[in-house]
């Protein structure tokens, strides 16, 4: 079991500034994460440590981490694996779960990568298989069409775009899997910090397109994880129980192609 790192012994007790929801994973299938913006570095690192103690079966995730947290994280958790993404500003403490399913994270441009990185880090912490397809925006539509077999093979897609925000609607019109639109704040002037992209995605004529908040890679990943979780429960209901399998129908379902890598 993890121990709280030494630095936190000199920090305020976690209960003085936060009330951890350590039961959230049991209730909802996904644990609480730390939103580091607005917190001190000591608070963020102490929360990550407390989350590892409270639920050691799953890694602890922090998003929107400031530079000091990114710099200190690797040395703050002795004996733990620590995954730091300086571009996405995420920290994950603990071993990553064995992945199942596949969520394809698609970006319109290279400038969308920090937001996509937050999405990828969250998916990895949740044990969701993920891959990145980048720089396939509508200004060069052939780039997207060249990757169409990959897009159509995914269980779910998160599509990030700024500027006029066209790409998610285009992708949703090409694939059968659910598409989560992720507007980013990339773009000049009238792009208005992602408002134009978000409005375009909400107004899209592609039916069934789900839209999360601007730059909310974490929220997009959580929604994609719920989609895969619903599929997992559906597949379990559809698979007859095998009397010879002590794990029951869930184990039988995971042997099928919908659960590659589980």
Protein backbone atom coordinates (compact mmCIF):
# COMPACT_ATOMS: atom_id res chain seq x y z
CA UNK A 1 0.00 0.00 0.00
CA UNK A 2 1.15 3.53 -0.71
CA UNK A 3 2.29 5.85 2.03
CA UNK A 4 1.75 9.60 2.09
CA UNK A 5 4.95 11.24 0.82
CA UNK A 6 7.20 13.04 3.28
CA UNK A 7 6.37 16.50 1.99
CA UNK A 8 2.72 16.15 2.96
CA UNK A 9 3.60 15.51 6.61
CA UNK A 10 4.47 19.21 6.78
CA UNK A 11 1.40 20.30 4.81
CA UNK A 12 -2.10 20.97 6.13
CA UNK A 13 -4.13 17.83 6.74
CA UNK A 14 -6.20 16.97 3.66
CA UNK A 15 -9.38 17.19 5.72
CA UNK A 16 -8.64 20.86 6.40
CA UNK A 17 -9.18 21.82 2.75
CA UNK A 18 -10.91 18.91 1.00
CA UNK A 19 -13.34 16.06 1.54
CA UNK A 20 -12.20 13.15 -0.62
CA UNK A 21 -14.88 11.06 -2.28
CA UNK A 22 -13.07 7.72 -1.99
CA UNK A 23 -16.32 5.82 -2.64
CA UNK A 24 -16.88 7.37 -6.07
CA UNK A 25 -15.33 4.51 -8.04
CA UNK A 26 -17.72 2.01 -6.46
CA UNK A 27 -20.74 4.24 -7.14
CA UNK A 28 -19.92 5.45 -10.65
CA UNK A 29 -17.16 3.21 -12.02
CA UNK A 30 -14.56 6.01 -12.04
CA UNK A 31 -12.58 7.49 -9.15
CA UNK A 32 -12.36 11.14 -8.18
CA UNK A 33 -9.59 13.19 -9.79
CA UNK A 34 -7.74 16.27 -8.55
CA UNK A 35 -8.36 19.52 -10.42
CA UNK A 36 -5.09 21.23 -9.51
CA UNK A 37 -5.93 24.72 -10.78
CA UNK A 38 -6.49 27.01 -7.81
CA UNK A 39 -4.83 24.60 -5.35
CA UNK A 40 -1.35 24.98 -3.89
CA UNK A 41 1.26 22.43 -5.01
CA UNK A 42 1.35 20.94 -1.50
CA UNK A 43 -2.42 20.52 -1.53
CA UNK A 44 -2.38 18.80 -4.92
CA UNK A 45 0.42 16.40 -3.99
CA UNK A 46 -1.15 15.63 -0.61
CA UNK A 47 -4.48 14.89 -2.28
CA UNK A 48 -2.85 12.52 -4.75
CA UNK A 49 -1.14 10.69 -1.89
CA UNK A 50 -4.35 10.48 0.14
CA UNK A 51 -6.24 9.14 -2.88
CA UNK A 52 -3.66 6.37 -3.30
CA UNK A 53 -4.09 5.42 0.34
CA UNK A 54 -7.89 5.61 0.17
CA UNK A 55 -8.18 3.56 -3.04
CA UNK A 56 -4.87 1.81 -3.77
CA UNK A 57 -6.44 -0.40 -6.45
CA UNK A 58 -6.58 2.49 -8.91
CA UNK A 59 -4.13 5.24 -9.92
CA UNK A 60 -4.64 8.81 -8.77
CA UNK A 61 -4.97 11.54 -11.41
CA UNK A 62 -4.43 15.28 -11.25
CA UNK A 63 -5.21 17.64 -14.14
CA UNK A 64 -4.30 21.28 -14.84
CA UNK A 65 -1.15 20.95 -12.77
CA UNK A 66 1.10 24.01 -12.38
CA UNK A 67 4.80 23.84 -13.13
CA UNK A 68 5.83 23.19 -9.54
CA UNK A 69 3.59 20.11 -9.25
CA UNK A 70 4.90 18.77 -12.56
CA UNK A 71 8.46 19.31 -11.37
CA UNK A 72 8.03 17.78 -7.90
CA UNK A 73 5.71 14.90 -8.69
CA UNK A 74 8.27 12.29 -9.75
CA UNK A 75 10.20 12.61 -6.46
CA UNK A 76 7.16 12.92 -4.19
CA UNK A 77 5.90 9.33 -4.28
CA UNK A 78 8.68 6.87 -3.36
CA UNK A 79 8.04 3.37 -4.65
CA UNK A 80 5.22 4.50 -6.95
CA UNK A 81 5.12 4.82 -10.70
CA UNK A 82 4.50 8.44 -11.59
CA UNK A 83 3.45 9.50 -15.09
CA UNK A 84 3.95 13.22 -15.81
CA UNK A 85 2.85 14.90 -19.04
CA UNK A 86 4.18 18.44 -19.05
CA UNK A 87 2.28 19.44 -22.21
CA UNK A 88 -1.06 18.09 -20.98
CA UNK A 89 -0.27 19.20 -17.39
CA UNK A 90 -1.35 15.88 -15.91
CA UNK A 91 0.10 13.67 -13.20
CA UNK A 92 -0.91 10.04 -12.69
CA UNK A 93 0.37 8.18 -9.61
CA UNK A 94 0.27 4.39 -9.55
CA UNK A 95 0.37 1.53 -12.01
CA UNK A 96 -1.90 1.97 -15.02
CA UNK A 97 -4.67 -0.64 -15.29
CA UNK A 98 -4.68 -3.21 -18.07
CA UNK A 99 -6.54 -1.43 -20.90
CA UNK A 100 -9.74 -2.61 -22.53
CA UNK A 101 -11.59 -1.31 -25.57
CA UNK A 102 -10.25 1.45 -27.79
CA UNK A 103 -10.99 5.15 -27.80
CA UNK A 104 -9.43 7.04 -30.69
CA UNK A 105 -8.49 10.61 -29.76
CA UNK A 106 -8.45 12.69 -32.95
CA UNK A 107 -7.19 16.26 -33.28
CA UNK A 108 -7.81 18.76 -36.03
CA UNK A 109 -4.38 20.33 -35.53
CA UNK A 110 -1.14 19.96 -33.62
CA UNK A 111 -2.14 22.91 -31.43
CA UNK A 112 -4.96 20.79 -29.98
CA UNK A 113 -2.47 18.26 -28.54
CA UNK A 114 -2.34 19.59 -24.94
CA UNK A 115 -6.11 19.13 -24.58
CA UNK A 116 -5.93 15.76 -26.31
CA UNK A 117 -3.14 14.79 -23.92
CA UNK A 118 -5.37 15.46 -20.91
CA UNK A 119 -7.96 13.18 -22.50
CA UNK A 120 -5.40 10.44 -23.14
CA UNK A 121 -3.98 10.58 -19.60
CA UNK A 122 -7.47 10.28 -18.16
CA UNK A 123 -8.33 7.31 -20.37
CA UNK A 124 -5.10 5.56 -19.40
CA UNK A 125 -5.78 6.13 -15.70
CA UNK A 126 -9.24 4.64 -16.16
CA UNK A 127 -7.90 1.56 -17.93
CA UNK A 128 -9.35 2.45 -21.33
CA UNK A 129 -7.27 1.62 -24.40
CA UNK A 130 -6.52 4.74 -26.41
CA UNK A 131 -4.63 5.92 -29.46
CA UNK A 132 -3.93 9.33 -30.96
CA UNK A 133 -4.60 10.49 -34.52
CA UNK A 134 -3.39 14.06 -34.92
CA UNK A 135 -3.47 16.91 -37.44
CA UNK A 136 -6.29 15.64 -39.69
CA UNK A 137 -8.41 18.81 -39.81
CA UNK A 138 -10.80 19.77 -42.59
CA UNK A 139 -8.36 22.16 -44.27
CA UNK A 140 -6.76 19.00 -45.69
CA UNK A 141 -9.63 16.53 -45.72
CA UNK A 142 -7.62 13.85 -47.52
CA UNK A 143 -5.58 13.40 -44.33
CA UNK A 144 -8.72 12.34 -42.48
CA UNK A 145 -9.96 10.07 -45.24
CA UNK A 146 -6.59 8.31 -45.32
CA UNK A 147 -7.18 7.28 -41.68
CA UNK A 148 -10.79 6.23 -42.15
CA UNK A 149 -10.22 2.49 -41.49
CA UNK A 150 -8.70 3.37 -38.10
CA UNK A 151 -11.57 5.67 -37.25
CA UNK A 152 -14.15 3.04 -38.13
CA UNK A 153 -12.41 0.36 -36.05
CA UNK A 154 -12.61 2.32 -32.76
CA UNK A 155 -15.20 1.68 -30.05
CA UNK A 156 -15.57 5.43 -29.47
CA UNK A 157 -13.92 8.61 -30.76
CA UNK A 158 -13.05 11.87 -29.05
CA UNK A 159 -12.52 14.57 -31.68
CA UNK A 160 -10.80 17.80 -30.63
CA UNK A 161 -10.92 20.95 -32.74
CA UNK A 162 -10.66 24.71 -32.32
CA UNK A 163 -11.19 27.55 -34.79
CA UNK A 164 -14.52 26.86 -36.56
CA UNK A 165 -14.88 23.41 -34.93
CA UNK A 166 -15.98 21.50 -38.03
CA UNK A 167 -14.11 18.22 -37.61
CA UNK A 168 -16.28 16.36 -35.05
CA UNK A 169 -19.41 16.71 -37.19
CA UNK A 170 -17.54 15.43 -40.23
CA UNK A 171 -16.20 12.41 -38.32
CA UNK A 172 -19.63 11.65 -36.88
CA UNK A 173 -20.94 11.42 -40.43
CA UNK A 174 -18.34 8.78 -41.35
CA UNK A 175 -18.38 6.28 -38.47
CA UNK A 176 -20.88 4.14 -36.57
CA UNK A 177 -19.18 4.48 -33.16
CA UNK A 178 -20.17 7.25 -30.72
CA UNK A 179 -18.32 10.54 -31.21
CA UNK A 180 -17.53 12.98 -28.39
CA UNK A 181 -16.80 16.50 -29.63
CA UNK A 182 -14.11 18.36 -27.71
CA UNK A 183 -13.89 22.08 -28.53
CA UNK A 184 -10.54 23.74 -27.86
CA UNK A 185 -9.60 27.36 -27.34
CA UNK A 186 -7.27 27.32 -30.37
CA UNK A 187 -7.85 30.04 -32.96
CA UNK A 188 -7.58 33.72 -33.82
CA UNK A 189 -9.83 36.63 -32.82
CA UNK A 190 -13.43 35.73 -33.55
CA UNK A 191 -12.82 32.12 -32.51
CA UNK A 192 -13.47 33.67 -29.08
CA UNK A 193 -11.43 31.23 -27.04
CA UNK A 194 -13.32 28.18 -28.26
CA UNK A 195 -16.85 29.57 -28.12
CA UNK A 196 -17.25 29.41 -31.89
CA UNK A 197 -16.03 25.81 -31.99
CA UNK A 198 -18.32 24.80 -29.13
CA UNK A 199 -21.33 26.51 -30.73
CA UNK A 200 -20.61 24.88 -34.10
CA UNK A 201 -20.42 21.44 -32.49
CA UNK A 202 -23.65 22.01 -30.56
CA UNK A 203 -25.33 23.17 -33.78
CA UNK A 204 -23.97 20.30 -35.89
CA UNK A 205 -26.39 18.51 -38.19
CA UNK A 206 -24.61 15.19 -37.52
CA UNK A 207 -27.09 13.40 -35.24
CA UNK A 208 -25.99 11.97 -31.92
CA UNK A 209 -22.88 14.12 -31.51
CA UNK A 210 -22.11 14.71 -27.82
CA UNK A 211 -20.25 17.91 -26.88
CA UNK A 212 -18.23 18.68 -23.73
CA UNK A 213 -16.93 21.99 -22.42
CA UNK A 214 -14.08 23.96 -24.01
CA UNK A 215 -10.63 22.39 -23.39
CA UNK A 216 -12.24 19.73 -21.17
CA UNK A 217 -10.17 16.71 -22.16
CA UNK A 218 -10.90 15.14 -18.78
CA UNK A 219 -14.66 15.39 -19.30
CA UNK A 220 -14.44 13.96 -22.81
CA UNK A 221 -12.50 10.97 -21.51
CA UNK A 222 -14.97 10.38 -18.68
CA UNK A 223 -17.88 10.41 -21.12
CA UNK A 224 -16.09 8.01 -23.47
CA UNK A 225 -15.34 5.71 -20.52
CA UNK A 226 -19.03 5.64 -19.62
CA UNK A 227 -19.88 4.73 -23.20
CA UNK A 228 -17.49 1.80 -23.05
CA UNK A 229 -18.78 0.86 -19.61
CA UNK A 230 -22.36 0.75 -20.90
CA UNK A 231 -21.20 -1.42 -23.79
CA UNK A 232 -19.42 -3.71 -21.34
CA UNK A 233 -22.60 -4.15 -19.26
CA UNK A 234 -24.66 -4.73 -22.40
CA UNK A 235 -22.26 -7.38 -23.66
CA UNK A 236 -22.33 -9.13 -20.30
CA UNK A 237 -26.14 -9.28 -20.40
CA UNK A 238 -26.04 -10.64 -23.94
CA UNK A 239 -23.61 -13.49 -23.20
CA UNK A 240 -25.15 -16.64 -21.65
CA UNK A 241 -23.56 -17.73 -18.41
CA UNK A 242 -21.05 -20.56 -18.74
CA UNK A 243 -21.52 -22.99 -15.82
CA UNK A 244 -17.90 -24.09 -16.23
CA UNK A 245 -16.57 -20.54 -15.88
CA UNK A 246 -16.29 -19.54 -12.20
CA UNK A 247 -16.18 -15.87 -13.18
CA UNK A 248 -19.61 -16.09 -14.83
CA UNK A 249 -20.93 -14.18 -17.85
CA UNK A 250 -18.63 -11.19 -17.46
CA UNK A 251 -15.59 -13.36 -18.12
CA UNK A 252 -17.30 -14.96 -21.09
CA UNK A 253 -18.15 -11.57 -22.57
CA UNK A 254 -14.57 -10.33 -22.22
CA UNK A 255 -13.34 -13.21 -24.33
CA UNK A 256 -15.13 -11.72 -27.34
CA UNK A 257 -13.74 -9.25 -29.87
CA UNK A 258 -15.41 -6.26 -28.20
CA UNK A 259 -12.95 -6.54 -25.34
CA UNK A 260 -9.59 -6.76 -27.04
CA UNK A 261 -6.85 -6.21 -24.47
CA UNK A 262 -9.07 -6.50 -21.40
